[in-house]
Amino acid sequence: MIFPLEELIKYQGNMYEITCAASRRSYQLSKLGGDEVENNGGKVVSLAARQIFTGKVKFMFPPNAENAAAAAY
């Protein structure tokens, strides 16, 4: 799957937060690898975005941490 542009266009939340979350999740996927990454042709950014937009992976920011990166779980 290519990057989920429809979901990105429909997204009504904070664009900076979703970008940080996708970036962090992409990094995790690149380090962990696995079947899901292989099935997506090694394209971790589009996989991370799809996981976040579909709710498979949730993200949150630590309270009162202005410069902290998003934590994906």
PDB file of N, CA and C in Angstrom:
ATOM      1  N   MET A   1       0.844  -1.190   0.000  1.00  0.00           N
ATOM      2  CA  MET A   1       0.000   0.000   0.000  1.00  0.00           C
ATOM      3  C   MET A   1       0.880   1.240   0.000  1.00  0.00           C
ATOM      4  N   ILE A   2       0.481   2.224  -0.771  1.00  0.00           N
ATOM      5  CA  ILE A   2       1.180   3.494  -0.768  1.00  0.00           C
ATOM      6  C   ILE A   2       0.731   4.301   0.443  1.00  0.00           C
ATOM      7  N   PHE A   3       1.320   5.460   0.625  1.00  0.00           N
ATOM      8  CA  PHE A   3       0.968   6.299   1.766  1.00  0.00           C
ATOM      9  C   PHE A   3      -0.524   6.611   1.742  1.00  0.00           C
ATOM     10  N   PRO A   4      -1.213   6.476   2.876  1.00  0.00           N
ATOM     11  CA  PRO A   4      -2.678   6.668   2.927  1.00  0.00           C
ATOM     12  C   PRO A   4      -3.080   8.139   2.864  1.00  0.00           C
ATOM     13  N   LEU A   5      -3.069   8.712   1.654  1.00  0.00           N
ATOM     14  CA  LEU A   5      -3.353  10.138   1.486  1.00  0.00           C
ATOM     15  C   LEU A   5      -4.778  10.513   1.858  1.00  0.00           C
ATOM     16  N   GLU A   6      -5.747   9.644   1.563  1.00  0.00           N
ATOM     17  CA  GLU A   6      -7.142   9.968   1.904  1.00  0.00           C
ATOM     18  C   GLU A   6      -7.299  10.165   3.410  1.00  0.00           C
ATOM     19  N   GLU A   7      -6.701   9.275   4.182  1.00  0.00           N
ATOM     20  CA  GLU A   7      -6.786   9.391   5.637  1.00  0.00           C
ATOM     21  C   GLU A   7      -6.094  10.651   6.129  1.00  0.00           C
ATOM     22  N   LEU A   8      -4.968  10.983   5.501  1.00  0.00           N
ATOM     23  CA  LEU A   8      -4.234  12.191   5.880  1.00  0.00           C
ATOM     24  C   LEU A   8      -5.060  13.441   5.595  1.00  0.00           C
ATOM     25  N   ILE A   9      -5.738  13.479   4.462  1.00  0.00           N
ATOM     26  CA  ILE A   9      -6.569  14.630   4.103  1.00  0.00           C
ATOM     27  C   ILE A   9      -7.751  14.769   5.059  1.00  0.00           C
ATOM     28  N   LYS A  10      -8.340  13.645   5.459  1.00  0.00           N
ATOM     29  CA  LYS A  10      -9.501  13.660   6.359  1.00  0.00           C
ATOM     30  C   LYS A  10      -9.129  13.917   7.810  1.00  0.00           C
ATOM     31  N   TYR A  11      -7.860  13.756   8.146  1.00  0.00           N
ATOM     32  CA  TYR A  11      -7.421  13.871   9.540  1.00  0.00           C
ATOM     33  C   TYR A  11      -7.668  15.279  10.077  1.00  0.00           C
ATOM     34  N   GLN A  12      -8.338  15.364  11.210  1.00  0.00           N
ATOM     35  CA  GLN A  12      -8.701  16.655  11.795  1.00  0.00           C
ATOM     36  C   GLN A  12      -7.857  17.029  13.017  1.00  0.00           C
ATOM     37  N   GLY A  13      -6.958  16.146  13.422  1.00  0.00           N
ATOM     38  CA  GLY A  13      -6.151  16.401  14.614  1.00  0.00           C
ATOM     39  C   GLY A  13      -4.931  17.257  14.314  1.00  0.00           C
ATOM     40  N   ASN A  14      -4.024  17.268  15.261  1.00  0.00           N
ATOM     41  CA  ASN A  14      -2.802  18.039  15.167  1.00  0.00           C
ATOM     42  C   ASN A  14      -1.844  17.359  14.187  1.00  0.00           C
ATOM     43  N   MET A  15      -1.519  18.031  13.088  1.00  0.00           N
ATOM     44  CA  MET A  15      -0.681  17.449  12.041  1.00  0.00           C
ATOM     45  C   MET A  15       0.749  17.205  12.545  1.00  0.00           C
ATOM     46  N   TYR A  16       1.242  18.062  13.397  1.00  0.00           N
ATOM     47  CA  TYR A  16       2.587  17.875  13.950  1.00  0.00           C
ATOM     48  C   TYR A  16       2.645  16.595  14.778  1.00  0.00           C
ATOM     49  N   GLU A  17       1.632  16.364  15.599  1.00  0.00           N
ATOM     50  CA  GLU A  17       1.616  15.167  16.433  1.00  0.00           C
ATOM     51  C   GLU A  17       1.571  13.895  15.595  1.00  0.00           C
ATOM     52  N   ILE A  18       0.727  13.858  14.579  1.00  0.00           N
ATOM     53  CA  ILE A  18       0.609  12.657  13.761  1.00  0.00           C
ATOM     54  C   ILE A  18       1.897  12.425  12.974  1.00  0.00           C
ATOM     55  N   THR A  19       2.568  13.501  12.574  1.00  0.00           N
ATOM     56  CA  THR A  19       3.847  13.369  11.869  1.00  0.00           C
ATOM     57  C   THR A  19       4.916  12.801  12.795  1.00  0.00           C
ATOM     58  N   CYS A  20       4.978  13.301  14.015  1.00  0.00           N
ATOM     59  CA  CYS A  20       5.941  12.777  14.994  1.00  0.00           C
ATOM     60  C   CYS A  20       5.656  11.312  15.311  1.00  0.00           C
ATOM     61  N   ALA A  21       4.397  10.970  15.462  1.00  0.00           N
ATOM     62  CA  ALA A  21       4.018   9.588  15.772  1.00  0.00           C
ATOM     63  C   ALA A  21       4.395   8.659  14.625  1.00  0.00           C
ATOM     64  N   ALA A  22       4.124   9.072  13.393  1.00  0.00           N
ATOM     65  CA  ALA A  22       4.464   8.243  12.232  1.00  0.00           C
ATOM     66  C   ALA A  22       5.973   8.103  12.084  1.00  0.00           C
ATOM     67  N   SER A  23       6.692   9.161  12.359  1.00  0.00           N
ATOM     68  CA  SER A  23       8.143   9.116  12.286  1.00  0.00           C
ATOM     69  C   SER A  23       8.715   8.143  13.320  1.00  0.00           C
ATOM     70  N   ARG A  24       8.216   8.230  14.530  1.00  0.00           N
ATOM     71  CA  ARG A  24       8.686   7.342  15.600  1.00  0.00           C
ATOM     72  C   ARG A  24       8.328   5.883  15.293  1.00  0.00           C
ATOM     73  N   ARG A  25       7.120   5.655  14.817  1.00  0.00           N
ATOM     74  CA  ARG A  25       6.693   4.289  14.492  1.00  0.00           C
ATOM     75  C   ARG A  25       7.501   3.738  13.314  1.00  0.00           C
ATOM     76  N   SER A  26       7.812   4.585  12.346  1.00  0.00           N
ATOM     77  CA  SER A  26       8.638   4.162  11.215  1.00  0.00           C
ATOM     78  C   SER A  26      10.010   3.702  11.684  1.00  0.00           C
ATOM     79  N   TYR A  27      10.571   4.452  12.611  1.00  0.00           N
ATOM     80  CA  TYR A  27      11.865   4.073  13.180  1.00  0.00           C
ATOM     81  C   TYR A  27      11.774   2.716  13.883  1.00  0.00           C
ATOM     82  N   GLN A  28      10.716   2.521  14.674  1.00  0.00           N
ATOM     83  CA  GLN A  28      10.531   1.243  15.363  1.00  0.00           C
ATOM     84  C   GLN A  28      10.423   0.101  14.361  1.00  0.00           C
ATOM     85  N   LEU A  29       9.634   0.288  13.325  1.00  0.00           N
ATOM     86  CA  LEU A  29       9.445  -0.755  12.320  1.00  0.00           C
ATOM     87  C   LEU A  29      10.744  -1.070  11.583  1.00  0.00           C
ATOM     88  N   SER A  30      11.539  -0.040  11.305  1.00  0.00           N
ATOM     89  CA  SER A  30      12.801  -0.276  10.596  1.00  0.00           C
ATOM     90  C   SER A  30      13.770  -1.081  11.451  1.00  0.00           C
ATOM     91  N   LYS A  31      13.721  -0.887  12.752  1.00  0.00           N
ATOM     92  CA  LYS A  31      14.602  -1.636  13.656  1.00  0.00           C
ATOM     93  C   LYS A  31      14.079  -3.048  13.911  1.00  0.00           C
ATOM     94  N   LEU A  32      12.762  -3.211  14.017  1.00  0.00           N
ATOM     95  CA  LEU A  32      12.177  -4.507  14.344  1.00  0.00           C
ATOM     96  C   LEU A  32      12.034  -5.412  13.122  1.00  0.00           C
ATOM     97  N   GLY A  33      11.738  -4.822  11.970  1.00  0.00           N
ATOM     98  CA  GLY A  33      11.514  -5.620  10.766  1.00  0.00           C
ATOM     99  C   GLY A  33      10.279  -6.490  10.931  1.00  0.00           C
ATOM    100  N   GLY A  34      10.292  -7.673  10.347  1.00  0.00           N
ATOM    101  CA  GLY A  34       9.189  -8.607  10.495  1.00  0.00           C
ATOM    102  C   GLY A  34       8.412  -8.812   9.216  1.00  0.00           C
ATOM    103  N   ASP A  35       7.454  -9.727   9.297  1.00  0.00           N
ATOM    104  CA  ASP A  35       6.650 -10.094   8.132  1.00  0.00           C
ATOM    105  C   ASP A  35       5.837  -8.931   7.588  1.00  0.00           C
ATOM    106  N   GLU A  36       5.287  -8.136   8.483  1.00  0.00           N
ATOM    107  CA  GLU A  36       4.437  -7.028   8.030  1.00  0.00           C
ATOM    108  C   GLU A  36       5.250  -6.019   7.214  1.00  0.00           C
ATOM    109  N   VAL A  37       6.484  -5.765   7.636  1.00  0.00           N
ATOM    110  CA  VAL A  37       7.362  -4.856   6.896  1.00  0.00           C
ATOM    111  C   VAL A  37       7.726  -5.475   5.549  1.00  0.00           C
ATOM    112  N   GLU A  38       8.059  -6.762   5.535  1.00  0.00           N
ATOM    113  CA  GLU A  38       8.393  -7.451   4.288  1.00  0.00           C
ATOM    114  C   GLU A  38       7.206  -7.463   3.324  1.00  0.00           C
ATOM    115  N   ASN A  39       6.010  -7.712   3.854  1.00  0.00           N
ATOM    116  CA  ASN A  39       4.805  -7.736   3.018  1.00  0.00           C
ATOM    117  C   ASN A  39       4.474  -6.373   2.437  1.00  0.00           C
ATOM    118  N   ASN A  40       5.010  -5.317   3.037  1.00  0.00           N
ATOM    119  CA  ASN A  40       4.784  -3.956   2.555  1.00  0.00           C
ATOM    120  C   ASN A  40       5.973  -3.474   1.715  1.00  0.00           C
ATOM    121  N   GLY A  41       6.803  -4.403   1.274  1.00  0.00           N
ATOM    122  CA  GLY A  41       7.936  -4.052   0.428  1.00  0.00           C
ATOM    123  C   GLY A  41       9.011  -3.265   1.145  1.00  0.00           C
ATOM    124  N   GLY A  42       9.068  -3.366   2.475  1.00  0.00           N
ATOM    125  CA  GLY A  42      10.066  -2.640   3.254  1.00  0.00           C
ATOM    126  C   GLY A  42       9.754  -1.163   3.438  1.00  0.00           C
ATOM    127  N   LYS A  43       8.586  -0.731   3.044  1.00  0.00           N
ATOM    128  CA  LYS A  43       8.196   0.684   3.138  1.00  0.00           C
ATOM    129  C   LYS A  43       7.604   0.954   4.515  1.00  0.00           C
ATOM    130  N   VAL A  44       8.472   1.358   5.430  1.00  0.00           N
ATOM    131  CA  VAL A  44       8.048   1.507   6.822  1.00  0.00           C
ATOM    132  C   VAL A  44       7.209   2.758   7.062  1.00  0.00           C
ATOM    133  N   VAL A  45       7.405   3.813   6.288  1.00  0.00           N
ATOM    134  CA  VAL A  45       6.641   5.051   6.514  1.00  0.00           C
ATOM    135  C   VAL A  45       5.170   4.848   6.180  1.00  0.00           C
ATOM    136  N   SER A  46       4.889   4.244   5.031  1.00  0.00           N
ATOM    137  CA  SER A  46       3.491   4.022   4.666  1.00  0.00           C
ATOM    138  C   SER A  46       2.841   3.020   5.617  1.00  0.00           C
ATOM    139  N   LEU A  47       3.593   2.016   6.055  1.00  0.00           N
ATOM    140  CA  LEU A  47       3.071   1.035   7.011  1.00  0.00           C
ATOM    141  C   LEU A  47       2.769   1.706   8.347  1.00  0.00           C
ATOM    142  N   ALA A  48       3.683   2.535   8.815  1.00  0.00           N
ATOM    143  CA  ALA A  48       3.474   3.245  10.085  1.00  0.00           C
ATOM    144  C   ALA A  48       2.246   4.144  10.006  1.00  0.00           C
ATOM    145  N   ALA A  49       2.110   4.884   8.916  1.00  0.00           N
ATOM    146  CA  ALA A  49       0.956   5.776   8.755  1.00  0.00           C
ATOM    147  C   ALA A  49      -0.334   4.975   8.739  1.00  0.00           C
ATOM    148  N   ARG A  50      -0.344   3.874   8.010  1.00  0.00           N
ATOM    149  CA  ARG A  50      -1.556   3.038   7.946  1.00  0.00           C
ATOM    150  C   ARG A  50      -1.901   2.501   9.334  1.00  0.00           C
ATOM    151  N   GLN A  51      -0.896   2.051  10.093  1.00  0.00           N
ATOM    152  CA  GLN A  51      -1.141   1.532  11.436  1.00  0.00           C
ATOM    153  C   GLN A  51      -1.729   2.600  12.350  1.00  0.00           C
ATOM    154  N   ILE A  52      -1.250   3.805  12.236  1.00  0.00           N
ATOM    155  CA  ILE A  52      -1.744   4.895  13.085  1.00  0.00           C
ATOM    156  C   ILE A  52      -3.157   5.307  12.678  1.00  0.00           C
ATOM    157  N   PHE A  53      -3.388   5.493  11.374  1.00  0.00           N
ATOM    158  CA  PHE A  53      -4.707   5.927  10.915  1.00  0.00           C
ATOM    159  C   PHE A  53      -5.794   4.883  11.140  1.00  0.00           C
ATOM    160  N   THR A  54      -5.443   3.596  11.102  1.00  0.00           N
ATOM    161  CA  THR A  54      -6.439   2.552  11.326  1.00  0.00           C
ATOM    162  C   THR A  54      -6.627   2.242  12.804  1.00  0.00           C
ATOM    163  N   GLY A  55      -5.788   2.803  13.664  1.00  0.00           N
ATOM    164  CA  GLY A  55      -5.917   2.569  15.099  1.00  0.00           C
ATOM    165  C   GLY A  55      -5.211   1.316  15.581  1.00  0.00           C
ATOM    166  N   LYS A  56      -4.485   0.637  14.696  1.00  0.00           N
ATOM    167  CA  LYS A  56      -3.735  -0.546  15.120  1.00  0.00           C
ATOM    168  C   LYS A  56      -2.648  -0.159  16.114  1.00  0.00           C
ATOM    169  N   VAL A  57      -2.078   1.019  15.908  1.00  0.00           N
ATOM    170  CA  VAL A  57      -1.063   1.558  16.811  1.00  0.00           C
ATOM    171  C   VAL A  57      -1.588   2.885  17.343  1.00  0.00           C
ATOM    172  N   LYS A  58      -1.582   3.047  18.622  1.00  0.00           N
ATOM    173  CA  LYS A  58      -2.009   4.297  19.253  1.00  0.00           C
ATOM    174  C   LYS A  58      -0.774   5.118  19.585  1.00  0.00           C
ATOM    175  N   PHE A  59      -0.938   6.407  19.689  1.00  0.00           N
ATOM    176  CA  PHE A  59       0.187   7.251  20.093  1.00  0.00           C
ATOM    177  C   PHE A  59      -0.270   8.231  21.155  1.00  0.00           C
ATOM    178  N   MET A  60       0.692   8.660  21.937  1.00  0.00           N
ATOM    179  CA  MET A  60       0.414   9.643  22.981  1.00  0.00           C
ATOM    180  C   MET A  60       1.685  10.421  23.254  1.00  0.00           C
ATOM    181  N   PHE A  61       1.529  11.576  23.833  1.00  0.00           N
ATOM    182  CA  PHE A  61       2.665  12.377  24.234  1.00  0.00           C
ATOM    183  C   PHE A  61       2.693  12.429  25.754  1.00  0.00           C
ATOM    184  N   PRO A  62       3.874  12.322  26.334  1.00  0.00           N
ATOM    185  CA  PRO A  62       3.955  12.423  27.791  1.00  0.00           C
ATOM    186  C   PRO A  62       3.454  13.794  28.241  1.00  0.00           C
ATOM    187  N   PRO A  63       2.739  13.853  29.348  1.00  0.00           N
ATOM    188  CA  PRO A  63       2.236  15.149  29.827  1.00  0.00           C
ATOM    189  C   PRO A  63       3.386  16.094  30.177  1.00  0.00           C
ATOM    190  N   ASN A  64       3.221  17.349  29.803  1.00  0.00           N
ATOM    191  CA  ASN A  64       4.184  18.403  30.116  1.00  0.00           C
ATOM    192  C   ASN A  64       5.572  18.147  29.556  1.00  0.00           C
ATOM    193  N   ALA A  65       5.676  17.437  28.473  1.00  0.00           N
ATOM    194  CA  ALA A  65       6.974  17.189  27.846  1.00  0.00           C
ATOM    195  C   ALA A  65       6.973  17.853  26.475  1.00  0.00           C
ATOM    196  N   GLU A  66       7.318  19.130  26.455  1.00  0.00           N
ATOM    197  CA  GLU A  66       7.228  19.912  25.233  1.00  0.00           C
ATOM    198  C   GLU A  66       8.126  19.388  24.126  1.00  0.00           C
ATOM    199  N   ASN A  67       9.310  18.908  24.457  1.00  0.00           N
ATOM    200  CA  ASN A  67      10.253  18.494  23.430  1.00  0.00           C
ATOM    201  C   ASN A  67      10.371  16.975  23.303  1.00  0.00           C
ATOM    202  N   ALA A  68       9.515  16.227  23.958  1.00  0.00           N
ATOM    203  CA  ALA A  68       9.584  14.760  23.898  1.00  0.00           C
ATOM    204  C   ALA A  68       8.961  14.255  22.607  1.00  0.00           C
ATOM    205  N   ALA A  69       9.522  13.184  22.099  1.00  0.00           N
ATOM    206  CA  ALA A  69       8.965  12.565  20.886  1.00  0.00           C
ATOM    207  C   ALA A  69       7.742  11.756  21.252  1.00  0.00           C
ATOM    208  N   ALA A  70       6.902  11.498  20.276  1.00  0.00           N
ATOM    209  CA  ALA A  70       5.698  10.701  20.486  1.00  0.00           C
ATOM    210  C   ALA A  70       6.079   9.280  20.835  1.00  0.00           C
ATOM    211  N   ALA A  71       5.312   8.693  21.693  1.00  0.00           N
ATOM    212  CA  ALA A  71       5.516   7.287  22.043  1.00  0.00           C
ATOM    213  C   ALA A  71       4.449   6.467  21.338  1.00  0.00           C
ATOM    214  N   ALA A  72       4.860   5.566  20.498  1.00  0.00           N
ATOM    215  CA  ALA A  72       3.906   4.676  19.824  1.00  0.00           C
ATOM    216  C   ALA A  72       3.913   3.348  20.543  1.00  0.00           C
ATOM    217  N   TYR A  73       2.747   2.795  20.750  1.00  0.00           N
ATOM    218  CA  TYR A  73       2.661   1.491  21.419  1.00  0.00           C
ATOM    219  C   TYR A  73       1.617   0.650  20.763  1.00  0.00           C
TER     220      TYR A  73
END
